[in-house]
C-alpha atoms as a PDB file:
ATOM      1  CA  MET A   1      88.983  89.846 115.738  1.00  0.00           C
ATOM      2  CA  ASN A   2      85.851  91.697 114.660  1.00  0.00           C
ATOM      3  CA  ILE A   3      85.664  93.776 111.497  1.00  0.00           C
ATOM      4  CA  ILE A   4      82.356  95.322 110.515  1.00  0.00           C
ATOM      5  CA  LEU A   5      81.871  95.648 106.744  1.00  0.00           C
ATOM      6  CA  THR A   6      78.786  97.569 105.731  1.00  0.00           C
ATOM      7  CA  GLY A   7      77.243  99.194 102.710  1.00  0.00           C
ATOM      8  CA  HIS A   8      74.978 101.312 104.914  1.00  0.00           C
ATOM      9  CA  GLY A   9      77.445 103.268 106.963  1.00  0.00           C
ATOM     10  CA  ASN A  10      76.137 106.024 109.195  1.00  0.00           C
ATOM     11  CA  MET A  11      76.803 107.353 112.682  1.00  0.00           C
ATOM     12  CA  ASP A  12      74.386 104.907 114.335  1.00  0.00           C
ATOM     13  CA  SER A  13      75.987 101.856 112.726  1.00  0.00           C
ATOM     14  CA  ALA A  14      79.458 103.148 113.639  1.00  0.00           C
ATOM     15  CA  ILE A  15      78.358 103.571 117.270  1.00  0.00           C
ATOM     16  CA  ASP A  16      76.877 100.069 117.229  1.00  0.00           C
ATOM     17  CA  ALA A  17      80.185  98.721 115.895  1.00  0.00           C
ATOM     18  CA  VAL A  18      82.042 100.352 118.793  1.00  0.00           C
ATOM     19  CA  ARG A  19      79.545  98.893 121.263  1.00  0.00           C
ATOM     20  CA  LEU A  20      80.113  95.457 119.720  1.00  0.00           C
ATOM     21  CA  ASP A  21      83.846  95.958 120.335  1.00  0.00           C
ATOM     22  CA  ALA A  22      84.666  95.953 116.624  1.00  0.00           C
ATOM     23  CA  ASP A  23      88.327  96.228 115.750  1.00  0.00           C
ATOM     24  CA  ASP A  24      87.574  98.062 112.513  1.00  0.00           C
ATOM     25  CA  TYR A  25      84.655  99.495 110.582  1.00  0.00           C
ATOM     26  CA  ILE A  26      84.828  99.399 106.786  1.00  0.00           C
ATOM     27  CA  LEU A  27      82.407 100.874 104.293  1.00  0.00           C
ATOM     28  CA  LYS A  28      81.568  99.197 100.987  1.00  0.00           C
ATOM     29  CA  PRO A  29      82.797  99.379  98.344  1.00  0.00           C
ATOM     30  CA  CYS A  30      86.244  98.521  99.579  1.00  0.00           C
ATOM     31  CA  ASP A  31      89.063  97.452  97.274  1.00  0.00           C
ATOM     32  CA  GLY A  32      91.220  94.413  98.006  1.00  0.00           C
ATOM     33  CA  LYS A  33      94.330  96.377  98.983  1.00  0.00           C
ATOM     34  CA  ALA A  34      92.442  98.462 101.532  1.00  0.00           C
ATOM     35  CA  MET A  35      90.762  95.350 102.948  1.00  0.00           C
ATOM     36  CA  LEU A  36      94.107  93.541 103.190  1.00  0.00           C
ATOM     37  CA  PHE A  37      95.662  96.530 104.947  1.00  0.00           C
ATOM     38  CA  ARG A  38      92.803  96.751 107.479  1.00  0.00           C
ATOM     39  CA  VAL A  39      92.851  93.010 108.213  1.00  0.00           C
ATOM     40  CA  SER A  40      96.644  93.089 108.557  1.00  0.00           C
ATOM     41  CA  SER A  41      96.362  96.036 110.945  1.00  0.00           C
ATOM     42  CA  CYS A  42      93.792  94.192 113.058  1.00  0.00           C
ATOM     43  CA  LEU A  43      95.994  91.104 113.198  1.00  0.00           C
ATOM     44  CA  GLU A  44      98.924  93.237 114.407  1.00  0.00           C
ATOM     45  CA  LYS A  45      96.725  94.723 117.149  1.00  0.00           C
ATOM     46  CA  LEU A  46      95.624  91.229 118.136  1.00  0.00           C
ATOM     47  CA  GLU A  47      99.248  90.058 118.400  1.00  0.00           C
ATOM     48  CA  LEU A  48     100.140  93.124 120.498  1.00  0.00           C
ATOM     49  CA  LYS A  49      97.247  92.373 122.854  1.00  0.00           C
ATOM     50  CA  ARG A  50      98.514  88.799 123.235  1.00  0.00           C
ATOM     51  CA  LYS A  51     102.036  90.037 123.984  1.00  0.00           C
ATOM     52  CA  ILE A  52     100.671  92.453 126.584  1.00  0.00           C
ATOM     53  CA  ARG A  53      98.720  89.643 128.275  1.00  0.00           C
ATOM     54  CA  ARG A  54     101.820  87.421 128.348  1.00  0.00           C
ATOM     55  CA  SER A  55     103.913  90.287 129.743  1.00  0.00           C
ATOM     56  CA  GLU A  56     101.314  91.053 132.413  1.00  0.00           C
ATOM     57  CA  HIS A  57     101.223  87.377 133.413  1.00  0.00           C
ATOM     58  CA  ALA A  58     105.033  87.230 133.612  1.00  0.00           C
ATOM     59  CA  LEU A  59     105.047  90.452 135.650  1.00  0.00           C
ATOM     60  CA  ARG A  60     102.536  89.015 138.154  1.00  0.00           C
ATOM     61  CA  ASP A  61     104.639  85.846 138.468  1.00  0.00           C
ATOM     62  CA  ASN A  62     107.797  87.877 139.064  1.00  0.00           C
ATOM     63  CA  GLU A  63     106.032  90.070 141.628  1.00  0.00           C
ATOM     64  CA  LYS A  64     104.990  86.928 143.539  1.00  0.00           C
ATOM     65  CA  LYS A  65     108.550  85.586 143.447  1.00  0.00           C
ATOM     66  CA  LEU A  66     110.016  88.895 144.594  1.00  0.00           C
ATOM     67  CA  SER A  67     107.476  89.160 147.401  1.00  0.00           C
ATOM     68  CA  THR A  68     108.338  85.646 148.574  1.00  0.00           C
ATOM     69  CA  ILE A  69     112.062  86.411 148.512  1.00  0.00           C
ATOM     70  CA  MET A  70     111.653  89.699 150.375  1.00  0.00           C
ATOM     71  CA  ASN A  71     109.292  88.287 153.003  1.00  0.00           C
ATOM     72  CA  THR A  72     111.373  85.181 153.736  1.00  0.00           C
ATOM     73  CA  ALA A  73     114.884  86.665 153.567  1.00  0.00           C
ATOM     74  CA  ALA A  74     116.936  86.414 156.756  1.00  0.00           C
ATOM     75  CA  ASP A  75     118.522  89.806 156.033  1.00  0.00           C
ATOM     76  CA  ALA A  76     116.759  93.128 156.403  1.00  0.00           C
ATOM     77  CA  ILE A  77     115.514  94.550 153.129  1.00  0.00           C
ATOM     78  CA  ILE A  78     114.562  98.197 153.316  1.00  0.00           C
ATOM     79  CA  LEU A  79     113.363 100.428 150.481  1.00  0.00           C
ATOM     80  CA  VAL A  80     113.892 104.157 150.865  1.00  0.00           C
ATOM     81  CA  ASP A  81     112.350 107.032 148.891  1.00  0.00           C
ATOM     82  CA  ASN A  82     114.247 110.015 147.463  1.00  0.00           C
ATOM     83  CA  HIS A  83     113.977 111.810 150.810  1.00  0.00           C
ATOM     84  CA  GLY A  84     115.556 109.000 152.831  1.00  0.00           C
ATOM     85  CA  LYS A  85     112.251 107.831 154.337  1.00  0.00           C
ATOM     86  CA  ILE A  86     111.554 104.126 154.633  1.00  0.00           C
ATOM     87  CA  VAL A  87     108.703 103.046 152.343  1.00  0.00           C
ATOM     88  CA  TYR A  88     109.074  99.279 152.818  1.00  0.00           C
ATOM     89  CA  SER A  89     110.789  96.929 155.219  1.00  0.00           C
ATOM     90  CA  ASN A  90     110.590  93.158 155.315  1.00  0.00           C
ATOM     91  CA  PRO A  91     109.808  91.022 158.388  1.00  0.00           C
ATOM     92  CA  ALA A  92     113.504  90.320 159.057  1.00  0.00           C
ATOM     93  CA  SER A  93     114.054  94.053 159.578  1.00  0.00           C
ATOM     94  CA  GLU A  94     111.728  93.872 162.614  1.00  0.00           C
ATOM     95  CA  LYS A  95     114.047  91.394 164.311  1.00  0.00           C
ATOM     96  CA  ILE A  96     117.227  93.209 163.312  1.00  0.00           C
ATOM     97  CA  PHE A  97     116.151  96.754 164.225  1.00  0.00           C
ATOM     98  CA  GLY A  98     113.650  95.970 166.995  1.00  0.00           C
ATOM     99  CA  HIS A  99     110.800  97.950 165.413  1.00  0.00           C
ATOM    100  CA  THR A 100     107.664  96.722 163.685  1.00  0.00           C
ATOM    101  CA  VAL A 101     107.267  97.169 159.951  1.00  0.00           C
ATOM    102  CA  GLN A 102     104.610  99.809 160.683  1.00  0.00           C
ATOM    103  CA  GLU A 103     106.988 101.707 162.973  1.00  0.00           C
ATOM    104  CA  LEU A 104     109.766 101.655 160.389  1.00  0.00           C
ATOM    105  CA  GLU A 105     107.657 102.956 157.505  1.00  0.00           C
ATOM    106  CA  GLY A 106     108.020 106.719 157.279  1.00  0.00           C
ATOM    107  CA  THR A 107     111.120 106.732 159.501  1.00  0.00           C
ATOM    108  CA  GLU A 108     114.258 108.375 158.180  1.00  0.00           C
ATOM    109  CA  MET A 109     116.707 105.642 157.253  1.00  0.00           C
ATOM    110  CA  HIS A 110     119.726 107.313 158.851  1.00  0.00           C
ATOM    111  CA  LEU A 111     118.044 107.058 162.292  1.00  0.00           C
ATOM    112  CA  LEU A 112     118.488 103.258 162.165  1.00  0.00           C
ATOM    113  CA  LEU A 113     122.266 103.586 161.984  1.00  0.00           C
ATOM    114  CA  PRO A 114     124.408 103.565 165.119  1.00  0.00           C
ATOM    115  CA  GLU A 115     124.892 107.098 166.487  1.00  0.00           C
ATOM    116  CA  GLU A 116     128.477 107.351 165.320  1.00  0.00           C
ATOM    117  CA  PHE A 117     127.288 106.872 161.711  1.00  0.00           C
ATOM    118  CA  GLN A 118     124.292 109.209 161.862  1.00  0.00           C
ATOM    119  CA  VAL A 119     124.560 112.413 159.920  1.00  0.00           C
ATOM    120  CA  VAL A 120     122.322 115.328 160.778  1.00  0.00           C
ATOM    121  CA  LEU A 121     120.405 116.294 157.667  1.00  0.00           C
END
């Protein structure tokens, strides 16, 4: 946490503080309550940044797990957009439907169903 406290505040020193990645910029004189408030505020920001980093790390771990599950599943996993077009299919879907992942992407999902279940849209 970086707080710049200066008695010579001007635009140049404020710009320098930003360049130094200061969390706050305080001009002297500064009373104790104001200083306590600014330090407390900086500590809250620091804790939020830590929580964000932990959440991002957990998200990356979960993405890896989900990718592993989807890519190793024996069943076809197909994701479809709001228009019924395939946006993702896992490797098992190649074996089940007889089309490569690249061929399936962009295809309308209902075309993979047996003819008796296909509905003309």
